[in-house]
Amino acid sequence: MGVDAYLETEVGEKLVELLDPKGIIAQLMPLEDDHFTLLRYVDLYGNTVFNRMQMDQMLIELEQLKNSSRSNEEINYIKQLEDMARRCQSEPHLYLKFYGD
C-alpha cells in the first residue's frame, strides 16, 4: 500500500483522490531532504494535512520532484498532485491531505 492523496473540503468531503497502490508517492517523498520544507514532513504511516497558504511552496517542491523523476509514471503522479495543489490554492476551505498506511 502507498500514501493516498486527497483534495478535501473543511468538513472532510473528498473532491479529488489520487490512490497509490504501488507506493509511488512514498518513493517520491524527500523525507530526509532539508530543501523540501513541506514534503519532507509527509507521514508515510499517518495523516498529513496542508492548507491553501502552503500551496505556493508545495508547487515549487512538486516541480523540483518532477524535474528529478525517473519515470513517466512518477511524473504523472506529480502532475496530478500539482493539479490538486493548484485547486487547493485557488479555492478557500480546501486541504491537500496525505493518508499513509
N, C-alpha and C. Protein backbone atom coordinates (compact mmCIF):
# COMPACT_ATOMS: atom_id res chain seq x y z
N MET A 1 0.84 -1.18 0.00
CA MET A 1 0.00 0.00 0.00
C MET A 1 0.88 1.25 0.00
N GLY A 2 0.35 2.31 -0.52
CA GLY A 2 1.10 3.55 -0.59
C GLY A 2 0.46 4.65 0.22
N VAL A 3 0.81 5.86 -0.13
CA VAL A 3 0.27 7.05 0.50
C VAL A 3 -0.76 7.64 -0.47
N ASP A 4 -2.01 7.67 -0.06
CA ASP A 4 -3.05 8.21 -0.92
C ASP A 4 -3.20 9.70 -0.65
N ALA A 5 -3.49 10.46 -1.70
CA ALA A 5 -3.65 11.91 -1.58
C ALA A 5 -5.09 12.27 -1.95
N TYR A 6 -5.62 13.24 -1.22
CA TYR A 6 -6.98 13.71 -1.46
C TYR A 6 -7.03 15.22 -1.38
N LEU A 7 -7.89 15.81 -2.17
CA LEU A 7 -8.26 17.20 -2.01
C LEU A 7 -9.61 17.16 -1.31
N GLU A 8 -9.67 17.78 -0.13
CA GLU A 8 -10.87 17.70 0.70
C GLU A 8 -11.36 19.07 1.12
N THR A 9 -12.65 19.13 1.42
CA THR A 9 -13.23 20.33 2.00
C THR A 9 -12.93 20.35 3.49
N GLU A 10 -13.29 21.44 4.13
CA GLU A 10 -13.05 21.56 5.57
C GLU A 10 -13.87 20.57 6.39
N VAL A 11 -14.92 20.01 5.83
CA VAL A 11 -15.72 19.02 6.55
C VAL A 11 -15.36 17.59 6.14
N GLY A 12 -14.28 17.44 5.35
CA GLY A 12 -13.78 16.12 5.01
C GLY A 12 -14.37 15.50 3.75
N GLU A 13 -15.14 16.25 2.98
CA GLU A 13 -15.67 15.73 1.73
C GLU A 13 -14.53 15.62 0.72
N LYS A 14 -14.35 14.44 0.17
CA LYS A 14 -13.28 14.19 -0.79
C LYS A 14 -13.72 14.65 -2.18
N LEU A 15 -12.99 15.63 -2.74
CA LEU A 15 -13.31 16.17 -4.05
C LEU A 15 -12.50 15.51 -5.15
N VAL A 16 -11.24 15.21 -4.85
CA VAL A 16 -10.34 14.57 -5.81
C VAL A 16 -9.52 13.55 -5.03
N GLU A 17 -9.27 12.40 -5.64
CA GLU A 17 -8.44 11.40 -4.97
C GLU A 17 -7.33 10.94 -5.91
N LEU A 18 -6.20 10.65 -5.32
CA LEU A 18 -5.07 10.08 -6.04
C LEU A 18 -4.60 8.88 -5.23
N LEU A 19 -5.10 7.72 -5.62
CA LEU A 19 -4.75 6.50 -4.91
C LEU A 19 -3.38 6.01 -5.37
N ASP A 20 -2.69 5.35 -4.48
CA ASP A 20 -1.30 4.98 -4.76
C ASP A 20 -1.02 3.53 -4.37
N PRO A 21 -1.65 2.57 -5.05
CA PRO A 21 -1.47 1.17 -4.67
C PRO A 21 -0.05 0.64 -4.87
N LYS A 22 0.74 1.28 -5.74
CA LYS A 22 2.11 0.82 -5.99
C LYS A 22 3.15 1.49 -5.09
N GLY A 23 2.75 2.44 -4.27
CA GLY A 23 3.70 3.10 -3.37
C GLY A 23 4.58 4.14 -4.04
N ILE A 24 4.13 4.68 -5.15
CA ILE A 24 4.95 5.66 -5.88
C ILE A 24 5.13 6.95 -5.09
N ILE A 25 4.06 7.45 -4.50
CA ILE A 25 4.16 8.69 -3.73
C ILE A 25 5.16 8.54 -2.59
N ALA A 26 5.10 7.42 -1.90
CA ALA A 26 6.03 7.18 -0.79
C ALA A 26 7.47 7.17 -1.27
N GLN A 27 7.71 6.63 -2.46
CA GLN A 27 9.06 6.61 -3.01
C GLN A 27 9.54 8.01 -3.39
N LEU A 28 8.63 8.87 -3.79
CA LEU A 28 8.98 10.21 -4.23
C LEU A 28 9.27 11.17 -3.08
N MET A 29 8.66 10.95 -1.93
CA MET A 29 8.75 11.92 -0.84
C MET A 29 10.19 12.07 -0.35
N PRO A 30 10.67 13.31 -0.31
CA PRO A 30 12.05 13.60 0.11
C PRO A 30 12.16 13.73 1.63
N LEU A 31 11.95 12.64 2.34
CA LEU A 31 11.79 12.68 3.79
C LEU A 31 13.02 13.18 4.55
N GLU A 32 14.17 13.01 4.01
CA GLU A 32 15.40 13.42 4.71
C GLU A 32 16.03 14.67 4.10
N ASP A 33 15.37 15.30 3.15
CA ASP A 33 15.97 16.42 2.42
C ASP A 33 15.48 17.76 2.96
N ASP A 34 16.38 18.51 3.57
CA ASP A 34 16.04 19.81 4.17
C ASP A 34 15.63 20.86 3.14
N HIS A 35 15.88 20.62 1.87
CA HIS A 35 15.49 21.57 0.83
C HIS A 35 13.98 21.55 0.58
N PHE A 36 13.30 20.54 1.07
CA PHE A 36 11.86 20.40 0.91
C PHE A 36 11.20 20.73 2.25
N THR A 37 10.73 21.95 2.37
CA THR A 37 10.21 22.40 3.67
C THR A 37 8.84 21.84 4.00
N LEU A 38 8.10 21.36 3.02
CA LEU A 38 6.79 20.77 3.29
C LEU A 38 6.77 19.26 3.06
N LEU A 39 7.19 18.84 1.88
CA LEU A 39 7.05 17.43 1.51
C LEU A 39 7.88 16.49 2.39
N ARG A 40 8.92 16.99 3.01
CA ARG A 40 9.71 16.11 3.88
C ARG A 40 8.94 15.70 5.13
N TYR A 41 7.81 16.38 5.38
CA TYR A 41 7.01 16.07 6.56
C TYR A 41 5.80 15.18 6.26
N VAL A 42 5.67 14.69 5.05
CA VAL A 42 4.59 13.75 4.76
C VAL A 42 4.84 12.48 5.56
N ASP A 43 3.88 12.11 6.38
CA ASP A 43 3.98 10.94 7.26
C ASP A 43 3.52 9.71 6.48
N LEU A 44 4.44 8.82 6.20
CA LEU A 44 4.11 7.62 5.42
C LEU A 44 3.20 6.66 6.17
N TYR A 45 3.09 6.82 7.49
CA TYR A 45 2.30 5.90 8.29
C TYR A 45 1.14 6.59 9.01
N GLY A 46 0.96 7.86 8.76
CA GLY A 46 -0.12 8.61 9.39
C GLY A 46 -0.71 9.58 8.37
N ASN A 47 -1.38 10.60 8.88
CA ASN A 47 -2.03 11.57 8.01
C ASN A 47 -1.30 12.90 8.07
N THR A 48 -1.24 13.58 6.93
CA THR A 48 -0.59 14.89 6.83
C THR A 48 -1.54 15.82 6.08
N VAL A 49 -1.70 17.04 6.61
CA VAL A 49 -2.64 18.00 6.03
C VAL A 49 -1.91 19.28 5.66
N PHE A 50 -2.16 19.77 4.44
CA PHE A 50 -1.62 21.05 4.00
C PHE A 50 -2.78 21.97 3.62
N ASN A 51 -2.62 23.25 3.90
CA ASN A 51 -3.69 24.21 3.62
C ASN A 51 -3.35 25.12 2.45
N ARG A 52 -4.28 25.96 2.13
CA ARG A 52 -4.19 26.86 0.97
C ARG A 52 -2.94 27.76 1.02
N MET A 53 -2.59 28.24 2.20
CA MET A 53 -1.45 29.15 2.34
C MET A 53 -0.11 28.46 2.05
N GLN A 54 -0.09 27.15 2.08
CA GLN A 54 1.14 26.39 1.85
C GLN A 54 1.32 25.97 0.38
N MET A 55 0.35 26.25 -0.45
CA MET A 55 0.38 25.72 -1.82
C MET A 55 1.43 26.37 -2.72
N ASP A 56 1.80 27.62 -2.49
CA ASP A 56 2.89 28.21 -3.30
C ASP A 56 4.16 27.38 -3.13
N GLN A 57 4.50 27.10 -1.89
CA GLN A 57 5.70 26.30 -1.60
C GLN A 57 5.52 24.87 -2.08
N MET A 58 4.33 24.32 -1.91
CA MET A 58 4.06 22.96 -2.35
C MET A 58 4.30 22.83 -3.86
N LEU A 59 3.84 23.79 -4.63
CA LEU A 59 4.03 23.73 -6.08
C LEU A 59 5.50 23.84 -6.48
N ILE A 60 6.26 24.62 -5.75
CA ILE A 60 7.71 24.71 -6.00
C ILE A 60 8.36 23.34 -5.76
N GLU A 61 7.99 22.72 -4.66
CA GLU A 61 8.59 21.43 -4.31
C GLU A 61 8.15 20.32 -5.26
N LEU A 62 6.90 20.35 -5.69
CA LEU A 62 6.44 19.35 -6.66
C LEU A 62 7.17 19.50 -7.99
N GLU A 63 7.43 20.74 -8.38
CA GLU A 63 8.20 20.98 -9.62
C GLU A 63 9.62 20.40 -9.48
N GLN A 64 10.23 20.58 -8.31
CA GLN A 64 11.56 20.01 -8.07
C GLN A 64 11.52 18.49 -8.17
N LEU A 65 10.49 17.88 -7.60
CA LEU A 65 10.36 16.43 -7.68
C LEU A 65 10.17 15.98 -9.12
N LYS A 66 9.35 16.71 -9.84
CA LYS A 66 9.09 16.34 -11.23
C LYS A 66 10.37 16.39 -12.05
N ASN A 67 11.20 17.39 -11.82
CA ASN A 67 12.45 17.52 -12.56
C ASN A 67 13.44 16.40 -12.26
N SER A 68 13.30 15.76 -11.11
CA SER A 68 14.23 14.68 -10.77
C SER A 68 13.59 13.29 -10.88
N SER A 69 12.40 13.22 -11.43
CA SER A 69 11.70 11.94 -11.55
C SER A 69 12.36 11.05 -12.58
N ARG A 70 12.20 9.74 -12.36
CA ARG A 70 12.86 8.76 -13.20
C ARG A 70 11.94 8.09 -14.20
N SER A 71 10.63 8.24 -14.05
CA SER A 71 9.73 7.53 -14.95
C SER A 71 8.50 8.39 -15.28
N ASN A 72 7.83 8.02 -16.36
CA ASN A 72 6.60 8.70 -16.73
C ASN A 72 5.52 8.51 -15.68
N GLU A 73 5.51 7.36 -15.06
CA GLU A 73 4.52 7.08 -14.00
C GLU A 73 4.70 8.05 -12.83
N GLU A 74 5.94 8.27 -12.42
CA GLU A 74 6.21 9.24 -11.36
C GLU A 74 5.78 10.65 -11.77
N ILE A 75 6.12 11.03 -12.99
CA ILE A 75 5.77 12.36 -13.49
C ILE A 75 4.25 12.53 -13.52
N ASN A 76 3.52 11.50 -13.93
CA ASN A 76 2.06 11.57 -13.95
C ASN A 76 1.48 11.77 -12.56
N TYR A 77 2.01 11.07 -11.57
CA TYR A 77 1.55 11.26 -10.19
C TYR A 77 1.80 12.69 -9.73
N ILE A 78 2.98 13.20 -10.03
CA ILE A 78 3.32 14.56 -9.60
C ILE A 78 2.41 15.58 -10.30
N LYS A 79 2.14 15.37 -11.57
CA LYS A 79 1.23 16.28 -12.28
C LYS A 79 -0.15 16.29 -11.66
N GLN A 80 -0.62 15.14 -11.25
CA GLN A 80 -1.92 15.07 -10.59
C GLN A 80 -1.89 15.78 -9.24
N LEU A 81 -0.80 15.63 -8.51
CA LEU A 81 -0.65 16.35 -7.24
C LEU A 81 -0.60 17.86 -7.49
N GLU A 82 0.07 18.27 -8.55
CA GLU A 82 0.13 19.70 -8.89
C GLU A 82 -1.27 20.24 -9.18
N ASP A 83 -2.07 19.48 -9.92
CA ASP A 83 -3.44 19.92 -10.20
C ASP A 83 -4.23 20.07 -8.91
N MET A 84 -4.07 19.13 -8.01
CA MET A 84 -4.76 19.20 -6.72
C MET A 84 -4.29 20.42 -5.93
N ALA A 85 -2.99 20.67 -5.94
CA ALA A 85 -2.43 21.80 -5.20
C ALA A 85 -2.91 23.13 -5.79
N ARG A 86 -2.99 23.22 -7.09
CA ARG A 86 -3.49 24.46 -7.72
C ARG A 86 -4.94 24.74 -7.35
N ARG A 87 -5.74 23.69 -7.34
CA ARG A 87 -7.14 23.88 -6.95
C ARG A 87 -7.23 24.27 -5.48
N CYS A 88 -6.45 23.62 -4.65
CA CYS A 88 -6.41 23.96 -3.22
C CYS A 88 -6.03 25.42 -3.03
N GLN A 89 -5.08 25.88 -3.82
CA GLN A 89 -4.59 27.25 -3.75
C GLN A 89 -5.66 28.26 -4.18
N SER A 90 -6.48 27.88 -5.12
CA SER A 90 -7.40 28.83 -5.73
C SER A 90 -8.77 28.91 -5.06
N GLU A 91 -9.09 27.94 -4.22
CA GLU A 91 -10.42 27.93 -3.58
C GLU A 91 -10.26 27.89 -2.06
N PRO A 92 -11.05 28.68 -1.35
CA PRO A 92 -10.94 28.66 0.12
C PRO A 92 -11.51 27.36 0.70
N HIS A 93 -11.04 27.05 1.89
CA HIS A 93 -11.55 25.93 2.68
C HIS A 93 -11.29 24.56 2.07
N LEU A 94 -10.21 24.45 1.29
CA LEU A 94 -9.79 23.16 0.76
C LEU A 94 -8.44 22.79 1.36
N TYR A 95 -8.20 21.48 1.44
CA TYR A 95 -6.97 20.96 2.04
C TYR A 95 -6.44 19.83 1.22
N LEU A 96 -5.13 19.79 1.05
CA LEU A 96 -4.45 18.68 0.40
C LEU A 96 -3.99 17.74 1.51
N LYS A 97 -4.55 16.54 1.50
CA LYS A 97 -4.27 15.59 2.60
C LYS A 97 -3.62 14.33 2.05
N PHE A 98 -2.64 13.86 2.80
CA PHE A 98 -1.98 12.59 2.50
C PHE A 98 -2.30 11.62 3.62
N TYR A 99 -2.76 10.43 3.23
CA TYR A 99 -3.10 9.39 4.19
C TYR A 99 -2.13 8.23 4.01
N GLY A 100 -1.27 8.02 4.99
CA GLY A 100 -0.32 6.92 4.94
C GLY A 100 -0.94 5.63 5.41
N ASP A 101 -0.15 4.55 5.32
CA ASP A 101 -0.62 3.23 5.75
C ASP A 101 -0.89 3.19 7.23
